[in-house]
Structures are given as structure tokens and as C-alpha cells.
């Protein structure tokens, strides 16, 4: 599913970014340009990141902050 239409970023890309170390919305903005233009994707991107981080935390015992 597309999360950021402005930059064609999908939930899969957000999960991959989380697996690669992204922990915050700022990380996603830096790595994927999420929220750079209109910003409407921020809440969905944050939710996707939080879900991905919780899955990674269960697997890796690493804490994530989706702030």
C-alpha cells in the first residue's frame, strides 16, 4: 500500500527502513522523503513504523520510537 503518494513510498519500504535501522519519522524523512511535501502521510507512516518496530523488537529485542 502506498503511504506517501508524493514520493511513492510504500508500507513495505517503511518496514525495510525499520529493519535497516530507522526508528523515527525523522529517519523516514531522511531516508525515504516521507512527509517532505504535503505531510498528509505522517500519521500513516508513523503507524507503519511503529508496527514494524514492534515486530523487530520482538525478533531482536530492540526498542523503537516512532516519534
PDB file of N, CA and C in Angstrom:
ATOM      1  N   UNK A   1       0.843  -1.167   0.000  1.00  0.00           N
ATOM      2  CA  UNK A   1       0.000   0.000   0.000  1.00  0.00           C
ATOM      3  C   UNK A   1       0.892   1.236   0.000  1.00  0.00           C
ATOM      4  N   UNK A   2       0.476   2.240  -0.778  1.00  0.00           N
ATOM      5  CA  UNK A   2       1.213   3.498  -0.784  1.00  0.00           C
ATOM      6  C   UNK A   2       0.893   4.274   0.482  1.00  0.00           C
ATOM      7  N   UNK A   3       1.932   4.709   1.153  1.00  0.00           N
ATOM      8  CA  UNK A   3       1.792   5.524   2.351  1.00  0.00           C
ATOM      9  C   UNK A   3       1.996   6.991   1.980  1.00  0.00           C
ATOM     10  N   UNK A   4       3.044   7.265   1.215  1.00  0.00           N
ATOM     11  CA  UNK A   4       3.340   8.623   0.759  1.00  0.00           C
ATOM     12  C   UNK A   4       3.189   8.656  -0.752  1.00  0.00           C
ATOM     13  N   UNK A   5       2.105   9.253  -1.209  1.00  0.00           N
ATOM     14  CA  UNK A   5       1.828   9.320  -2.637  1.00  0.00           C
ATOM     15  C   UNK A   5       2.797  10.305  -3.312  1.00  0.00           C
ATOM     16  N   UNK A   6       3.165  11.363  -2.635  1.00  0.00           N
ATOM     17  CA  UNK A   6       4.060  12.366  -3.222  1.00  0.00           C
ATOM     18  C   UNK A   6       5.392  11.763  -3.652  1.00  0.00           C
ATOM     19  N   UNK A   7       5.880  10.792  -2.880  1.00  0.00           N
ATOM     20  CA  UNK A   7       7.183  10.188  -3.168  1.00  0.00           C
ATOM     21  C   UNK A   7       7.083   8.692  -3.441  1.00  0.00           C
ATOM     22  N   UNK A   8       5.865   8.199  -3.647  1.00  0.00           N
ATOM     23  CA  UNK A   8       5.616   6.790  -3.984  1.00  0.00           C
ATOM     24  C   UNK A   8       6.294   5.837  -2.998  1.00  0.00           C
ATOM     25  N   UNK A   9       6.125   6.110  -1.703  1.00  0.00           N
ATOM     26  CA  UNK A   9       6.697   5.270  -0.652  1.00  0.00           C
ATOM     27  C   UNK A   9       5.624   4.312  -0.158  1.00  0.00           C
ATOM     28  N   UNK A  10       5.977   3.039  -0.092  1.00  0.00           N
ATOM     29  CA  UNK A  10       5.027   2.015   0.327  1.00  0.00           C
ATOM     30  C   UNK A  10       5.287   1.565   1.762  1.00  0.00           C
ATOM     31  N   UNK A  11       4.320   0.854   2.318  1.00  0.00           N
ATOM     32  CA  UNK A  11       4.494   0.308   3.662  1.00  0.00           C
ATOM     33  C   UNK A  11       5.648  -0.694   3.685  1.00  0.00           C
ATOM     34  N   UNK A  12       5.868  -1.391   2.598  1.00  0.00           N
ATOM     35  CA  UNK A  12       6.986  -2.340   2.518  1.00  0.00           C
ATOM     36  C   UNK A  12       8.319  -1.603   2.657  1.00  0.00           C
ATOM     37  N   UNK A  13       8.437  -0.463   2.003  1.00  0.00           N
ATOM     38  CA  UNK A  13       9.669   0.315   2.105  1.00  0.00           C
ATOM     39  C   UNK A  13       9.891   0.819   3.527  1.00  0.00           C
ATOM     40  N   UNK A  14       8.812   1.164   4.205  1.00  0.00           N
ATOM     41  CA  UNK A  14       8.929   1.610   5.595  1.00  0.00           C
ATOM     42  C   UNK A  14       9.368   0.448   6.476  1.00  0.00           C
ATOM     43  N   UNK A  15       8.810  -0.741   6.261  1.00  0.00           N
ATOM     44  CA  UNK A  15       9.248  -1.920   7.021  1.00  0.00           C
ATOM     45  C   UNK A  15      10.721  -2.218   6.764  1.00  0.00           C
ATOM     46  N   UNK A  16      11.141  -2.094   5.519  1.00  0.00           N
ATOM     47  CA  UNK A  16      12.552  -2.327   5.183  1.00  0.00           C
ATOM     48  C   UNK A  16      13.453  -1.281   5.842  1.00  0.00           C
ATOM     49  N   UNK A  17      12.999  -0.041   5.866  1.00  0.00           N
ATOM     50  CA  UNK A  17      13.771   1.021   6.520  1.00  0.00           C
ATOM     51  C   UNK A  17      13.885   0.746   8.017  1.00  0.00           C
ATOM     52  N   UNK A  18      12.804   0.274   8.624  1.00  0.00           N
ATOM     53  CA  UNK A  18      12.833  -0.064  10.047  1.00  0.00           C
ATOM     54  C   UNK A  18      13.804  -1.218  10.299  1.00  0.00           C
ATOM     55  N   UNK A  19      13.781  -2.206   9.429  1.00  0.00           N
ATOM     56  CA  UNK A  19      14.715  -3.331   9.562  1.00  0.00           C
ATOM     57  C   UNK A  19      16.156  -2.857   9.386  1.00  0.00           C
ATOM     58  N   UNK A  20      16.332  -1.787   8.608  1.00  0.00           N
ATOM     59  CA  UNK A  20      17.653  -1.232   8.375  1.00  0.00           C
ATOM     60  C   UNK A  20      18.102  -0.214   9.414  1.00  0.00           C
ATOM     61  N   UNK A  21      17.255   0.051  10.392  1.00  0.00           N
ATOM     62  CA  UNK A  21      17.657   0.932  11.483  1.00  0.00           C
ATOM     63  C   UNK A  21      16.835   2.181  11.687  1.00  0.00           C
ATOM     64  N   UNK A  22      15.888   2.486  10.818  1.00  0.00           N
ATOM     65  CA  UNK A  22      15.039   3.667  11.009  1.00  0.00           C
ATOM     66  C   UNK A  22      14.204   3.481  12.265  1.00  0.00           C
ATOM     67  N   UNK A  23      14.182   4.477  13.111  1.00  0.00           N
ATOM     68  CA  UNK A  23      13.446   4.383  14.365  1.00  0.00           C
ATOM     69  C   UNK A  23      12.463   5.527  14.576  1.00  0.00           C
ATOM     70  N   UNK A  24      12.604   6.585  13.802  1.00  0.00           N
ATOM     71  CA  UNK A  24      11.740   7.756  13.986  1.00  0.00           C
ATOM     72  C   UNK A  24      11.217   8.246  12.643  1.00  0.00           C
ATOM     73  N   UNK A  25      10.219   9.089  12.693  1.00  0.00           N
ATOM     74  CA  UNK A  25       9.693   9.710  11.488  1.00  0.00           C
ATOM     75  C   UNK A  25      10.776  10.547  10.814  1.00  0.00           C
ATOM     76  N   UNK A  26      11.635  11.137  11.608  1.00  0.00           N
ATOM     77  CA  UNK A  26      12.757  11.904  11.068  1.00  0.00           C
ATOM     78  C   UNK A  26      13.679  10.998  10.237  1.00  0.00           C
ATOM     79  N   UNK A  27      13.901   9.773  10.709  1.00  0.00           N
ATOM     80  CA  UNK A  27      14.700   8.811   9.940  1.00  0.00           C
ATOM     81  C   UNK A  27      14.040   8.506   8.604  1.00  0.00           C
ATOM     82  N   UNK A  28      12.719   8.318   8.625  1.00  0.00           N
ATOM     83  CA  UNK A  28      11.995   8.042   7.379  1.00  0.00           C
ATOM     84  C   UNK A  28      12.057   9.236   6.437  1.00  0.00           C
ATOM     85  N   UNK A  29      11.972  10.418   6.987  1.00  0.00           N
ATOM     86  CA  UNK A  29      12.056  11.628   6.169  1.00  0.00           C
ATOM     87  C   UNK A  29      13.426  11.703   5.496  1.00  0.00           C
ATOM     88  N   UNK A  30      14.464  11.402   6.251  1.00  0.00           N
ATOM     89  CA  UNK A  30      15.821  11.436   5.708  1.00  0.00           C
ATOM     90  C   UNK A  30      16.033  10.349   4.648  1.00  0.00           C
ATOM     91  N   UNK A  31      15.562   9.144   4.931  1.00  0.00           N
ATOM     92  CA  UNK A  31      15.840   8.002   4.066  1.00  0.00           C
ATOM     93  C   UNK A  31      14.881   7.859   2.883  1.00  0.00           C
ATOM     94  N   UNK A  32      13.600   8.207   3.087  1.00  0.00           N
ATOM     95  CA  UNK A  32      12.583   7.946   2.075  1.00  0.00           C
ATOM     96  C   UNK A  32      11.832   9.195   1.605  1.00  0.00           C
ATOM     97  N   UNK A  33      12.147  10.334   2.170  1.00  0.00           N
ATOM     98  CA  UNK A  33      11.472  11.602   1.849  1.00  0.00           C
ATOM     99  C   UNK A  33      10.017  11.646   2.296  1.00  0.00           C
ATOM    100  N   UNK A  34       9.616  10.773   3.184  1.00  0.00           N
ATOM    101  CA  UNK A  34       8.254  10.768   3.713  1.00  0.00           C
ATOM    102  C   UNK A  34       8.006  12.089   4.430  1.00  0.00           C
ATOM    103  N   UNK A  35       6.867  12.671   4.260  1.00  0.00           N
ATOM    104  CA  UNK A  35       6.384  13.932   4.866  1.00  0.00           C
ATOM    105  C   UNK A  35       7.106  15.179   4.362  1.00  0.00           C
ATOM    106  N   UNK A  36       7.918  15.080   3.348  1.00  0.00           N
ATOM    107  CA  UNK A  36       8.661  16.250   2.848  1.00  0.00           C
ATOM    108  C   UNK A  36       7.768  17.252   2.127  1.00  0.00           C
ATOM    109  N   UNK A  37       6.729  16.792   1.463  1.00  0.00           N
ATOM    110  CA  UNK A  37       5.900  17.714   0.683  1.00  0.00           C
ATOM    111  C   UNK A  37       4.631  18.098   1.436  1.00  0.00           C
ATOM    112  N   UNK A  38       3.556  17.373   1.247  1.00  0.00           N
ATOM    113  CA  UNK A  38       2.280  17.788   1.835  1.00  0.00           C
ATOM    114  C   UNK A  38       2.135  17.378   3.300  1.00  0.00           C
ATOM    115  N   UNK A  39       2.795  16.309   3.724  1.00  0.00           N
ATOM    116  CA  UNK A  39       2.746  15.889   5.115  1.00  0.00           C
ATOM    117  C   UNK A  39       1.542  15.051   5.507  1.00  0.00           C
ATOM    118  N   UNK A  40       0.644  14.788   4.566  1.00  0.00           N
ATOM    119  CA  UNK A  40      -0.563  14.033   4.893  1.00  0.00           C
ATOM    120  C   UNK A  40      -0.278  12.581   5.274  1.00  0.00           C
ATOM    121  N   UNK A  41       0.893  12.095   4.909  1.00  0.00           N
ATOM    122  CA  UNK A  41       1.243  10.701   5.168  1.00  0.00           C
ATOM    123  C   UNK A  41       1.829  10.487   6.561  1.00  0.00           C
ATOM    124  N   UNK A  42       2.064  11.542   7.300  1.00  0.00           N
ATOM    125  CA  UNK A  42       2.792  11.446   8.567  1.00  0.00           C
ATOM    126  C   UNK A  42       2.182  10.438   9.538  1.00  0.00           C
ATOM    127  N   UNK A  43       0.884  10.496   9.756  1.00  0.00           N
ATOM    128  CA  UNK A  43       0.286   9.599  10.749  1.00  0.00           C
ATOM    129  C   UNK A  43       0.337   8.147  10.284  1.00  0.00           C
ATOM    130  N   UNK A  44       0.095   7.903   9.009  1.00  0.00           N
ATOM    131  CA  UNK A  44       0.151   6.537   8.496  1.00  0.00           C
ATOM    132  C   UNK A  44       1.591   6.020   8.517  1.00  0.00           C
ATOM    133  N   UNK A  45       2.536   6.865   8.130  1.00  0.00           N
ATOM    134  CA  UNK A  45       3.949   6.474   8.149  1.00  0.00           C
ATOM    135  C   UNK A  45       4.382   6.159   9.566  1.00  0.00           C
ATOM    136  N   UNK A  46       3.955   6.965  10.531  1.00  0.00           N
ATOM    137  CA  UNK A  46       4.293   6.748  11.940  1.00  0.00           C
ATOM    138  C   UNK A  46       3.711   5.425  12.422  1.00  0.00           C
ATOM    139  N   UNK A  47       2.474   5.131  12.030  1.00  0.00           N
ATOM    140  CA  UNK A  47       1.840   3.873  12.426  1.00  0.00           C
ATOM    141  C   UNK A  47       2.551   2.672  11.813  1.00  0.00           C
ATOM    142  N   UNK A  48       2.900   2.766  10.544  1.00  0.00           N
ATOM    143  CA  UNK A  48       3.628   1.675   9.874  1.00  0.00           C
ATOM    144  C   UNK A  48       4.976   1.446  10.532  1.00  0.00           C
ATOM    145  N   UNK A  49       5.666   2.526  10.859  1.00  0.00           N
ATOM    146  CA  UNK A  49       6.965   2.417  11.501  1.00  0.00           C
ATOM    147  C   UNK A  49       6.836   1.795  12.893  1.00  0.00           C
ATOM    148  N   UNK A  50       5.837   2.227  13.648  1.00  0.00           N
ATOM    149  CA  UNK A  50       5.631   1.672  14.988  1.00  0.00           C
ATOM    150  C   UNK A  50       5.347   0.178  14.920  1.00  0.00           C
ATOM    151  N   UNK A  51       4.524  -0.226  13.964  1.00  0.00           N
ATOM    152  CA  UNK A  51       4.220  -1.648  13.801  1.00  0.00           C
ATOM    153  C   UNK A  51       5.473  -2.435  13.416  1.00  0.00           C
ATOM    154  N   UNK A  52       6.234  -1.900  12.480  1.00  0.00           N
ATOM    155  CA  UNK A  52       7.462  -2.570  12.045  1.00  0.00           C
ATOM    156  C   UNK A  52       8.461  -2.649  13.192  1.00  0.00           C
ATOM    157  N   UNK A  53       8.569  -1.585  13.961  1.00  0.00           N
ATOM    158  CA  UNK A  53       9.499  -1.579  15.089  1.00  0.00           C
ATOM    159  C   UNK A  53       9.085  -2.576  16.162  1.00  0.00           C
ATOM    160  N   UNK A  54       7.785  -2.689  16.407  1.00  0.00           N
ATOM    161  CA  UNK A  54       7.344  -3.650  17.425  1.00  0.00           C
ATOM    162  C   UNK A  54       7.622  -5.074  16.967  1.00  0.00           C
ATOM    163  N   UNK A  55       7.475  -5.334  15.686  1.00  0.00           N
ATOM    164  CA  UNK A  55       7.818  -6.654  15.160  1.00  0.00           C
ATOM    165  C   UNK A  55       9.309  -6.908  15.267  1.00  0.00           C
ATOM    166  N   UNK A  56      10.111  -5.894  14.926  1.00  0.00           N
ATOM    167  CA  UNK A  56      11.561  -6.024  15.023  1.00  0.00           C
ATOM    168  C   UNK A  56      12.001  -6.174  16.474  1.00  0.00           C
ATOM    169  N   UNK A  57      11.322  -5.450  17.378  1.00  0.00           N
ATOM    170  CA  UNK A  57      11.663  -5.535  18.771  1.00  0.00           C
ATOM    171  C   UNK A  57      11.437  -6.937  19.309  1.00  0.00           C
ATOM    172  N   UNK A  58      10.356  -7.542  18.875  1.00  0.00           N
ATOM    173  CA  UNK A  58      10.075  -8.912  19.297  1.00  0.00           C
ATOM    174  C   UNK A  58      11.155  -9.861  18.791  1.00  0.00           C
ATOM    175  N   UNK A  59      11.600  -9.635  17.578  1.00  0.00           N
ATOM    176  CA  UNK A  59      12.600 -10.509  16.970  1.00  0.00           C
ATOM    177  C   UNK A  59      14.011 -10.185  17.474  1.00  0.00           C
ATOM    178  N   UNK A  60      14.309  -8.922  17.693  1.00  0.00           N
ATOM    179  CA  UNK A  60      15.673  -8.507  18.021  1.00  0.00           C
ATOM    180  C   UNK A  60      15.835  -7.953  19.421  1.00  0.00           C
ATOM    181  N   UNK A  61      14.742  -7.805  20.154  1.00  0.00           N
ATOM    182  CA  UNK A  61      14.755  -7.193  21.483  1.00  0.00           C
ATOM    183  C   UNK A  61      15.362  -5.793  21.442  1.00  0.00           C
ATOM    184  N   UNK A  62      14.962  -5.028  20.415  1.00  0.00           N
ATOM    185  CA  UNK A  62      15.420  -3.652  20.240  1.00  0.00           C
ATOM    186  C   UNK A  62      14.219  -2.736  20.398  1.00  0.00           C
ATOM    187  N   UNK A  63      14.399  -1.630  21.096  1.00  0.00           N
ATOM    188  CA  UNK A  63      13.318  -0.669  21.277  1.00  0.00           C
ATOM    189  C   UNK A  63      13.331   0.350  20.171  1.00  0.00           C
ATOM    190  N   UNK A  64      12.155   0.746  19.719  1.00  0.00           N
ATOM    191  CA  UNK A  64      11.996   1.748  18.668  1.00  0.00           C
ATOM    192  C   UNK A  64      11.109   2.852  19.198  1.00  0.00           C
ATOM    193  N   UNK A  65      11.314   4.033  18.673  1.00  0.00           N
ATOM    194  CA  UNK A  65      10.441   5.154  18.969  1.00  0.00           C
ATOM    195  C   UNK A  65       9.943   5.709  17.665  1.00  0.00           C
ATOM    196  N   UNK A  66       8.659   5.715  17.476  1.00  0.00           N
ATOM    197  CA  UNK A  66       8.081   6.253  16.244  1.00  0.00           C
ATOM    198  C   UNK A  66       7.617   7.677  16.480  1.00  0.00           C
ATOM    199  N   UNK A  67       8.512   8.521  16.907  1.00  0.00           N
ATOM    200  CA  UNK A  67       8.164   9.914  17.174  1.00  0.00           C
ATOM    201  C   UNK A  67       8.906  10.837  16.248  1.00  0.00           C
TER     202      UNK A  67
END
